[in-house]
N, C-alpha and C. Protein backbone atom coordinates (compact mmCIF):
# COMPACT_ATOMS: atom_id res chain seq x y z
N MET A 1 53.84 45.54 110.79
CA MET A 1 54.15 45.08 110.00
C MET A 1 54.11 43.70 110.41
N SER A 2 52.57 42.80 110.57
CA SER A 2 53.29 41.21 111.36
C SER A 2 54.25 40.49 111.21
N ASP A 3 54.46 39.48 111.93
CA ASP A 3 55.26 38.61 112.23
C ASP A 3 55.10 37.95 110.79
N VAL A 4 53.63 37.44 109.80
CA VAL A 4 54.33 36.48 109.13
C VAL A 4 54.83 37.48 107.86
N SER A 5 53.74 38.30 107.50
CA SER A 5 54.44 39.24 106.73
C SER A 5 56.01 39.70 106.24
N THR A 6 56.81 39.75 107.68
CA THR A 6 57.93 40.15 107.79
C THR A 6 58.78 39.10 107.02
N LYS A 7 58.36 37.67 107.76
CA LYS A 7 59.13 36.74 106.71
C LYS A 7 58.38 36.33 105.63
N LYS A 8 57.31 36.72 105.15
CA LYS A 8 57.31 36.26 103.64
C LYS A 8 58.04 37.25 102.73
N ARG A 9 58.56 38.49 103.06
CA ARG A 9 59.14 39.69 102.16
C ARG A 9 60.54 39.07 102.14
N LEU A 10 60.93 37.88 104.12
CA LEU A 10 62.09 37.60 103.46
C LEU A 10 62.77 36.25 102.56
N MET A 11 61.19 35.51 102.48
CA MET A 11 61.20 34.79 102.07
C MET A 11 61.28 34.69 100.37
N TYR A 12 61.19 36.38 99.98
CA TYR A 12 60.56 36.51 99.01
C TYR A 12 61.54 35.63 97.60
N LEU A 13 62.26 35.38 97.67
CA LEU A 13 63.31 34.35 96.40
C LEU A 13 64.38 33.30 97.69
N SER A 14 63.58 32.69 98.08
CA SER A 14 64.03 32.00 99.46
C SER A 14 65.15 30.71 98.61
N GLY A 15 64.92 30.71 97.65
CA GLY A 15 65.89 29.59 96.82
C GLY A 15 67.59 29.99 96.67
N GLU A 16 67.75 31.50 96.57
CA GLU A 16 69.32 32.32 97.02
C GLU A 16 68.87 33.39 97.65
N ASP A 17 67.89 33.23 99.24
CA ASP A 17 67.92 34.26 99.74
C ASP A 17 69.13 34.32 100.94
N PHE A 18 69.98 35.24 101.37
CA PHE A 18 71.01 34.73 102.14
C PHE A 18 70.02 35.42 103.74
N TYR A 19 69.65 36.38 103.84
CA TYR A 19 69.03 36.74 105.39
C TYR A 19 68.43 35.19 105.28
N LEU A 20 67.48 34.82 104.43
CA LEU A 20 66.39 33.35 104.84
C LEU A 20 67.73 32.48 105.90
N TYR A 21 68.84 32.32 104.61
CA TYR A 21 69.75 30.94 105.13
C TYR A 21 70.56 31.86 106.59
N CYS A 22 70.61 32.90 106.46
CA CYS A 22 71.82 33.27 107.82
C CYS A 22 70.66 33.10 109.19
N TYR A 23 69.74 33.76 108.90
CA TYR A 23 68.46 33.95 110.07
C TYR A 23 68.45 32.10 110.46
N SER A 24 68.61 31.31 109.44
CA SER A 24 68.27 29.83 109.30
C SER A 24 69.13 29.02 110.33
N VAL A 25 70.49 29.53 110.11
CA VAL A 25 71.84 29.04 110.71
C VAL A 25 71.47 29.70 111.82
N LEU A 26 71.32 30.78 112.46
CA LEU A 26 71.54 31.48 113.69
C LEU A 26 70.83 30.09 114.50
N VAL A 27 69.30 30.62 114.19
CA VAL A 27 68.83 29.72 114.81
C VAL A 27 68.88 27.97 115.19
N ILE A 28 69.66 27.56 114.33
CA ILE A 28 69.74 25.96 114.51
C ILE A 28 70.57 25.96 115.19
N LEU A 29 71.65 26.50 115.03
CA LEU A 29 73.11 27.00 116.16
C LEU A 29 72.41 27.37 117.31
N ASP A 30 71.22 28.05 117.47
CA ASP A 30 70.75 28.33 119.02
C ASP A 30 69.86 27.12 119.67
N SER A 31 69.33 26.50 118.92
CA SER A 31 68.23 25.65 119.06
C SER A 31 68.83 24.06 119.49
N LEU A 32 69.86 24.28 119.15
CA LEU A 32 70.84 22.86 119.00
C LEU A 32 72.23 22.74 120.27
N GLY A 33 71.98 24.07 120.54
CA GLY A 33 72.95 24.70 121.94
C GLY A 33 74.22 24.74 121.50
N CYS A 34 74.49 25.39 120.11
CA CYS A 34 76.09 25.33 120.18
C CYS A 34 76.15 27.02 119.84
N ARG A 35 76.40 27.14 121.66
CA ARG A 35 77.11 28.42 121.55
C ARG A 35 77.90 28.89 122.66
N ASP A 36 78.72 29.81 122.31
CA ASP A 36 79.81 29.97 123.46
C ASP A 36 80.67 29.05 124.19
N GLY A 37 80.95 28.58 122.55
CA GLY A 37 82.11 27.44 122.90
C GLY A 37 81.71 25.79 122.32
N LYS A 38 80.65 25.64 122.43
CA LYS A 38 80.78 24.42 121.50
C LYS A 38 79.70 24.30 120.36
N PHE A 39 80.76 23.34 119.89
CA PHE A 39 80.86 23.42 118.49
C PHE A 39 79.83 22.68 117.85
N PHE A 40 78.97 23.20 116.54
CA PHE A 40 78.33 22.35 115.73
C PHE A 40 79.24 21.84 114.96
N ARG A 41 79.16 20.32 114.90
CA ARG A 41 80.49 19.33 113.69
C ARG A 41 80.10 19.90 112.44
N ASP A 42 80.57 20.11 111.24
CA ASP A 42 80.92 19.88 110.10
C ASP A 42 79.87 20.64 109.29
N TYR A 43 80.11 22.51 109.21
CA TYR A 43 78.90 23.23 108.47
C TYR A 43 78.06 22.47 107.43
N ARG A 44 78.93 21.70 106.37
CA ARG A 44 78.10 21.39 105.80
C ARG A 44 76.82 20.24 105.63
N LYS A 45 77.01 20.36 106.66
CA LYS A 45 75.44 19.55 107.19
C LYS A 45 74.34 21.02 107.65
N LEU A 46 74.43 22.03 107.65
CA LEU A 46 74.29 22.84 107.79
C LEU A 46 73.42 23.50 106.27
N ALA A 47 73.86 22.76 105.53
CA ALA A 47 73.73 23.17 104.17
C ALA A 47 71.49 22.60 103.80
N PHE A 48 71.89 21.46 104.59
CA PHE A 48 70.74 20.04 104.59
C PHE A 48 69.76 20.79 105.13
N LEU A 49 69.75 21.29 106.27
CA LEU A 49 69.13 21.93 107.37
C LEU A 49 68.34 22.29 107.20
N THR A 50 69.33 23.80 106.77
CA THR A 50 68.39 25.16 106.50
C THR A 50 67.24 24.64 105.32
N ASP A 51 67.55 23.84 104.67
CA ASP A 51 66.63 23.68 103.75
C ASP A 51 65.20 22.45 103.98
N ILE A 52 65.69 21.56 105.32
CA ILE A 52 64.55 20.75 105.77
C ILE A 52 64.01 21.84 106.89
N ILE A 53 64.63 22.79 107.93
CA ILE A 53 63.69 23.41 108.58
C ILE A 53 62.80 24.45 107.78
N SER A 54 62.99 24.58 106.87
CA SER A 54 62.20 26.12 105.86
C SER A 54 61.11 25.23 105.11
N ASN A 55 61.16 23.71 105.23
CA ASN A 55 59.35 23.16 104.93
C ASN A 55 58.76 22.63 105.74
N ASP A 56 57.50 22.83 106.43
CA ASP A 56 57.09 22.10 107.56
C ASP A 56 56.60 20.90 106.79
N LYS A 57 56.53 20.52 105.40
CA LYS A 57 56.00 19.07 104.57
C LYS A 57 57.84 18.44 105.33
N THR A 58 58.57 18.48 104.42
CA THR A 58 60.21 17.72 104.61
C THR A 58 60.50 17.34 106.32
N VAL A 59 60.16 18.40 107.24
CA VAL A 59 59.93 17.94 108.38
C VAL A 59 58.72 16.72 108.82
N TYR A 60 57.72 17.07 108.40
CA TYR A 60 57.03 15.96 108.83
C TYR A 60 57.13 14.45 108.29
N VAL A 61 57.87 14.57 107.11
CA VAL A 61 58.04 13.38 106.38
C VAL A 61 59.45 12.83 107.46
N VAL A 62 60.00 13.64 107.73
CA VAL A 62 61.60 13.01 108.46
C VAL A 62 61.70 12.49 109.84
N SER A 63 60.21 13.51 110.27
CA SER A 63 59.87 13.07 111.80
C SER A 63 59.03 11.47 111.99
N HIS A 64 58.10 11.53 111.03
CA HIS A 64 57.46 10.18 110.77
C HIS A 64 57.97 9.44 110.40
N SER A 65 59.08 9.31 109.65
CA SER A 65 59.60 8.00 108.84
C SER A 65 60.00 7.00 109.86
N SER A 66 59.79 5.82 109.51
CA SER A 66 60.15 4.80 110.17
C SER A 66 61.39 3.65 109.48
N GLY A 67 61.88 4.31 108.43
CA GLY A 67 62.55 3.03 107.83
C GLY A 67 62.12 2.45 106.83
N GLU A 68 60.98 2.51 106.31
CA GLU A 68 60.23 1.72 105.46
C GLU A 68 59.79 2.56 104.04
N LYS A 69 59.82 1.92 102.99
CA LYS A 69 59.65 2.18 101.60
C LYS A 69 59.01 3.58 101.50
N LEU A 70 58.71 4.71 101.27
CA LEU A 70 58.52 5.93 101.38
C LEU A 70 57.30 5.90 100.21
N ASN A 71 56.44 6.88 100.34
CA ASN A 71 54.94 6.55 99.15
C ASN A 71 56.03 8.09 97.91
N PRO A 72 55.59 8.19 96.93
CA PRO A 72 56.17 8.69 95.83
C PRO A 72 56.53 10.13 96.29
N LYS A 73 55.54 11.09 97.07
CA LYS A 73 55.58 11.60 97.54
C LYS A 73 56.53 12.51 97.79
N ASP A 74 56.34 11.73 99.23
CA ASP A 74 57.18 12.21 100.41
C ASP A 74 58.80 11.40 99.85
N TYR A 75 59.35 10.66 99.29
CA TYR A 75 60.70 9.95 98.76
C TYR A 75 61.36 11.34 97.79
N GLU A 76 60.05 12.27 96.55
CA GLU A 76 60.49 13.03 96.14
C GLU A 76 60.75 14.40 97.03
N CYS A 77 59.99 14.71 98.21
CA CYS A 77 59.92 15.76 98.84
C CYS A 77 61.46 15.56 99.17
N LEU A 78 62.13 13.98 100.40
CA LEU A 78 63.35 14.05 100.37
C LEU A 78 64.40 14.27 99.25
N LEU A 79 64.29 13.77 98.23
CA LEU A 79 64.82 13.46 97.31
C LEU A 79 65.48 15.34 96.80
N ASP A 80 64.08 16.08 96.88
CA ASP A 80 64.76 17.45 96.65
C ASP A 80 65.47 18.35 97.55
N SER A 81 64.97 17.86 98.80
CA SER A 81 65.91 18.45 99.84
C SER A 81 67.17 17.79 99.91
N TYR A 82 67.56 16.99 99.68
CA TYR A 82 69.39 16.45 99.60
C TYR A 82 69.64 17.36 98.26
N SER A 83 68.73 17.46 97.51
CA SER A 83 69.62 18.36 96.14
C SER A 83 69.93 19.31 96.27
N ASN A 84 69.15 20.32 97.14
CA ASN A 84 69.28 21.51 97.75
C ASN A 84 70.23 21.96 98.66
N GLY A 85 70.25 20.56 99.31
CA GLY A 85 71.37 20.65 100.28
C GLY A 85 72.55 20.76 99.42
N LEU A 86 73.12 19.66 98.45
CA LEU A 86 74.28 19.74 97.77
C LEU A 86 74.25 21.10 97.37
N THR A 87 73.76 21.99 96.20
CA THR A 87 73.53 23.00 95.87
C THR A 87 73.93 24.24 96.37
N ARG A 88 73.49 24.30 97.75
CA ARG A 88 74.07 25.14 99.28
C ARG A 88 75.09 25.65 99.90
N ARG A 89 75.90 24.13 99.67
CA ARG A 89 76.99 24.24 100.55
C ARG A 89 77.85 24.85 100.18
N SER A 90 78.48 25.91 99.32
CA SER A 90 79.19 26.94 99.24
C SER A 90 78.35 28.29 99.56
N GLU A 91 77.36 28.41 99.16
CA GLU A 91 76.44 29.55 99.79
C GLU A 91 76.72 29.45 101.53
N ILE A 92 76.61 28.50 102.33
CA ILE A 92 76.33 28.57 103.20
C ILE A 92 77.99 28.35 104.33
N LEU A 93 78.78 28.13 103.49
CA LEU A 93 80.02 28.21 103.26
C LEU A 93 80.68 29.47 103.61
N LYS A 94 80.09 30.29 102.36
CA LYS A 94 80.42 32.06 102.15
C LYS A 94 80.27 32.95 103.50
N LEU A 95 78.67 32.36 103.38
CA LEU A 95 77.36 33.15 104.54
C LEU A 95 78.51 33.19 106.13
N LEU A 96 78.89 31.94 106.56
CA LEU A 96 79.72 31.56 107.60
C LEU A 96 80.99 32.21 107.80
N PHE A 97 81.47 32.83 106.58
CA PHE A 97 82.71 33.75 106.81
C PHE A 97 83.15 35.24 106.43
N VAL A 98 81.25 35.27 106.33
CA VAL A 98 80.88 36.80 106.38
C VAL A 98 80.22 36.68 108.02
N LEU A 99 79.44 35.48 108.56
CA LEU A 99 79.33 36.05 110.48
C LEU A 99 80.10 36.31 111.27
N GLU A 100 81.60 35.24 110.80
CA GLU A 100 82.51 35.37 111.45
C GLU A 100 83.56 36.49 111.89
N LYS A 101 83.47 37.00 109.87
CA LYS A 101 84.17 38.76 110.15
C LYS A 101 82.97 39.45 111.16
N ARG A 102 82.06 39.13 111.41
CA ARG A 102 81.05 40.24 112.04
C ARG A 102 81.03 39.61 113.17
N GLY A 103 81.78 38.41 114.17
CA GLY A 103 82.05 38.39 115.18
C GLY A 103 80.45 37.54 115.46
N TYR A 104 79.76 36.86 114.71
CA TYR A 104 78.81 36.20 115.09
C TYR A 104 78.63 35.04 115.45
N VAL A 105 79.77 34.43 115.06
CA VAL A 105 80.20 32.92 114.77
C VAL A 105 81.56 32.41 114.82
N THR A 106 81.81 32.00 115.35
CA THR A 106 83.43 31.47 114.95
C THR A 106 83.41 30.25 114.66
N LEU A 107 84.62 30.37 113.69
CA LEU A 107 85.29 28.65 113.06
C LEU A 107 85.86 28.10 113.46
N ASN A 108 86.21 26.82 113.44
CA ASN A 108 87.05 26.08 114.31
C ASN A 108 87.17 25.02 112.57
N ARG A 109 88.68 24.69 112.05
CA ARG A 109 88.98 23.86 111.33
C ARG A 109 88.42 22.23 112.42
N GLY A 110 88.41 21.63 111.45
CA GLY A 110 88.11 19.88 112.01
C GLY A 110 89.13 19.14 111.09
N LYS A 111 88.45 18.02 111.06
CA LYS A 111 88.85 17.07 110.36
C LYS A 111 88.70 17.24 108.67
N ALA A 112 89.80 17.27 108.19
CA ALA A 112 89.72 17.17 106.13
C ALA A 112 88.59 18.46 105.61
N GLN A 113 87.40 17.97 105.42
CA GLN A 113 86.73 19.13 104.83
C GLN A 113 85.54 19.73 106.29
N GLU A 114 85.85 19.38 107.32
CA GLU A 114 84.81 19.60 107.86
C GLU A 114 85.55 21.27 108.88
N ILE A 115 84.70 21.98 108.79
CA ILE A 115 84.28 23.39 109.82
C ILE A 115 83.29 23.06 110.79
N ASP A 116 83.96 23.69 111.80
CA ASP A 116 82.99 23.48 113.09
C ASP A 116 82.47 24.32 113.11
N VAL A 117 81.63 24.84 114.19
CA VAL A 117 80.71 26.67 114.23
C VAL A 117 79.86 26.66 115.69
N THR A 118 80.38 27.75 116.28
CA THR A 118 79.81 27.95 116.87
C THR A 118 79.20 28.95 117.14
N LEU A 119 78.21 29.67 117.94
CA LEU A 119 77.37 30.59 118.10
C LEU A 119 78.27 31.56 118.88
N THR A 120 78.05 32.90 118.46
CA THR A 120 78.73 34.13 119.43
C THR A 120 77.35 34.45 119.55
N LYS A 121 76.42 34.19 120.68
CA LYS A 121 75.83 34.84 121.01
C LYS A 121 75.75 36.25 121.60
N ASP A 122 77.11 36.73 122.00
CA ASP A 122 77.03 37.92 123.33
C ASP A 122 77.18 39.24 121.99
N ASN A 123 77.77 38.47 120.69
CA ASN A 123 77.58 39.57 119.95
C ASN A 123 76.26 39.97 118.91
N LEU A 124 75.86 38.93 119.14
CA LEU A 124 73.97 39.12 118.77
C LEU A 124 73.03 40.37 118.86
N PRO A 125 72.77 41.12 118.53
CA PRO A 125 71.54 41.92 119.11
C PRO A 125 70.68 41.40 120.11
N ASN A 126 70.40 42.23 120.94
CA ASN A 126 69.53 41.98 122.12
C ASN A 126 67.98 41.30 121.69
N ASP A 127 67.85 40.08 122.19
CA ASP A 127 66.45 39.67 121.31
C ASP A 127 66.36 38.86 119.94
N PHE A 128 67.73 38.80 119.31
CA PHE A 128 67.69 38.84 117.82
C PHE A 128 67.05 37.18 117.76
N LEU A 129 67.12 36.24 118.19
CA LEU A 129 66.61 34.99 118.41
C LEU A 129 65.14 34.49 119.27
N ASN A 130 65.21 35.95 119.73
CA ASN A 130 63.96 35.41 120.74
C ASN A 130 62.62 36.27 120.25
N SER A 131 62.94 36.61 118.60
CA SER A 131 61.63 36.26 118.07
C SER A 131 60.73 35.80 117.05
N ASN A 132 59.03 36.20 117.34
CA ASN A 132 58.49 34.75 117.01
C ASN A 132 58.51 34.79 115.40
N VAL A 133 59.87 35.64 114.62
CA VAL A 133 59.09 35.34 113.00
C VAL A 133 59.67 34.36 112.75
N PHE A 134 60.78 33.66 113.33
CA PHE A 134 61.22 32.13 112.95
C PHE A 134 60.77 31.08 114.04
N GLU A 135 59.62 31.13 114.51
CA GLU A 135 59.33 29.91 115.63
C GLU A 135 58.97 28.85 115.17
N SER A 136 58.66 28.54 113.75
CA SER A 136 58.17 27.65 112.92
C SER A 136 59.48 26.77 112.72
N GLU A 137 60.62 27.29 112.58
CA GLU A 137 62.08 26.80 112.43
C GLU A 137 62.77 26.49 113.63
N SER A 138 62.45 27.28 114.19
CA SER A 138 62.98 26.82 116.33
C SER A 138 62.31 25.38 116.09
N LYS A 139 61.40 25.07 116.21
CA LYS A 139 60.13 24.18 116.29
C LYS A 139 60.81 22.70 115.48
N ASN A 140 60.76 23.44 114.07
CA ASN A 140 61.39 22.16 112.55
C ASN A 140 62.81 21.58 113.81
N ILE A 141 63.50 22.54 114.47
CA ILE A 141 65.00 21.90 114.61
C ILE A 141 64.85 20.97 115.33
N ILE A 142 64.25 21.08 116.31
CA ILE A 142 63.89 20.85 117.67
C ILE A 142 62.88 19.34 117.54
N ASN A 143 61.92 19.02 116.56
CA ASN A 143 61.42 17.56 115.89
C ASN A 143 62.92 17.46 115.09
N ILE A 144 63.38 17.78 114.18
CA ILE A 144 64.34 17.00 113.52
C ILE A 144 65.44 16.66 114.71
N SER A 145 65.70 16.95 115.47
CA SER A 145 66.84 17.01 116.09
C SER A 145 65.95 15.68 117.43
N LYS A 146 64.87 15.65 117.61
CA LYS A 146 64.46 14.59 118.62
C LYS A 146 64.67 13.20 117.60
N LYS A 147 64.23 13.21 116.34
CA LYS A 147 64.58 12.06 115.56
C LYS A 147 65.67 11.40 115.21
N VAL A 148 66.36 12.44 114.84
CA VAL A 148 67.98 11.72 114.75
C VAL A 148 68.78 11.99 115.56
N GLY A 149 68.39 12.87 116.48
CA GLY A 149 69.55 12.32 118.09
C GLY A 149 70.89 13.50 117.47
N ARG A 150 71.33 13.59 118.53
CA ARG A 150 72.77 14.12 118.55
C ARG A 150 73.01 14.71 116.76
N LEU A 151 72.07 15.86 116.83
CA LEU A 151 72.83 16.05 115.43
C LEU A 151 73.73 17.03 115.70
N ALA A 152 74.14 17.83 116.36
CA ALA A 152 75.22 18.67 116.59
C ALA A 152 76.41 17.77 116.24
N SER A 153 76.29 16.81 116.80
CA SER A 153 78.04 15.91 116.91
C SER A 153 78.00 14.80 115.68
N LEU A 154 77.24 14.54 115.28
CA LEU A 154 77.21 13.54 114.12
C LEU A 154 77.81 14.17 112.98
N THR A 155 78.58 12.95 112.45
CA THR A 155 79.20 13.63 111.44
C THR A 155 78.53 13.66 110.16
N LEU A 156 78.80 14.64 108.89
CA LEU A 156 78.05 14.64 107.68
C LEU A 156 77.24 12.98 106.82
N ASP A 157 78.44 11.99 107.08
CA ASP A 157 77.88 11.05 106.54
C ASP A 157 76.64 10.22 107.32
N THR A 158 76.71 10.12 108.89
CA THR A 158 75.52 9.75 109.65
C THR A 158 74.48 10.26 109.66
N MET A 159 75.01 11.93 109.43
CA MET A 159 73.38 12.77 109.64
C MET A 159 72.69 11.99 107.95
N LEU A 160 73.00 12.64 107.03
CA LEU A 160 72.80 11.94 105.87
C LEU A 160 72.11 10.83 106.49
N GLY A 161 72.73 9.92 106.21
CA GLY A 161 72.37 8.33 106.31
C GLY A 161 71.08 8.25 107.43
N LYS A 162 71.27 8.76 108.20
CA LYS A 162 69.86 8.76 108.92
C LYS A 162 68.51 9.43 108.11
N ILE A 163 68.90 10.16 108.12
CA ILE A 163 67.95 11.47 107.12
C ILE A 163 67.33 10.43 105.70
N TYR A 164 68.44 10.40 105.43
CA TYR A 164 67.96 10.37 103.45
C TYR A 164 68.30 8.77 103.26
N VAL A 165 69.13 8.34 103.16
CA VAL A 165 69.82 6.57 103.29
C VAL A 165 68.37 5.91 103.53
N GLU A 166 68.45 5.66 105.44
CA GLU A 166 67.20 5.33 105.65
C GLU A 166 65.94 5.30 105.18
N ASN A 167 65.62 6.71 104.18
CA ASN A 167 64.36 6.45 103.94
C ASN A 167 64.76 6.17 102.20
N GLY A 168 65.30 5.93 101.75
CA GLY A 168 65.54 5.53 100.35
C GLY A 168 66.37 5.72 99.87
N VAL A 169 66.81 7.56 99.67
CA VAL A 169 67.41 8.15 98.77
C VAL A 169 68.88 8.21 98.96
N ARG A 170 69.39 7.58 97.90
CA ARG A 170 70.62 7.39 97.66
C ARG A 170 71.28 9.02 98.00
N THR A 171 72.66 8.83 98.62
CA THR A 171 73.88 10.20 98.71
C THR A 171 75.21 9.84 98.12
N TRP A 172 75.34 10.83 97.69
CA TRP A 172 76.63 10.74 97.17
C TRP A 172 77.60 11.51 97.79
N VAL A 173 78.10 12.27 99.17
CA VAL A 173 78.60 13.39 98.75
C VAL A 173 79.82 12.99 99.02
C-alpha cells in the first residue's frame, strides 16, 4: 500500500480522526524542536496548528499573507481554520493526556490555562517520525514557522494575532 493511500485511510473522517490529530501533534512538536525537555508553550495552539498544517490552501494563505485585506475565499479559509481550532481544543487536550500516559509526551503546567508540551522521542518506535506519509505536514509546519517565527514559544494570543487577526479574522479566545 502506498503512503498516499495509507494517509487517505487515516483521513477518512479527518474532522474527528484522533490518529490524524495524534500524528499531526507529534510532527509539529518534532519539527519545531520541542523534544526531550524543550517545551512547546500552551497546548491550545496545537488545536489551531493541526488544522492549518493539514490543509495546503490554509498554509498558502498564511505564508503568503501580507497583512492586507484578504479576498473572500482566503478569508473564509482562515475563518474556517480558526473555528475548527476552537472546537478541537478539548480533543487535543484529551489526546495529550493519553500520549502522556503512554510516555510519548511530557506535560508541564504553565501559567493559568497553559499546559506546555515536549515530545519524548526516545519512547516512540524507531523511524516513527521519519516516514514519508506526513512529509507534507512537516513541510507545512516549517513554512508556517518561518512566517510566524518563534512559534513554539509564542503565547496563544500572539500566535492567533499573527495568523488570524493580522489577516482580518476576529478572534475571541
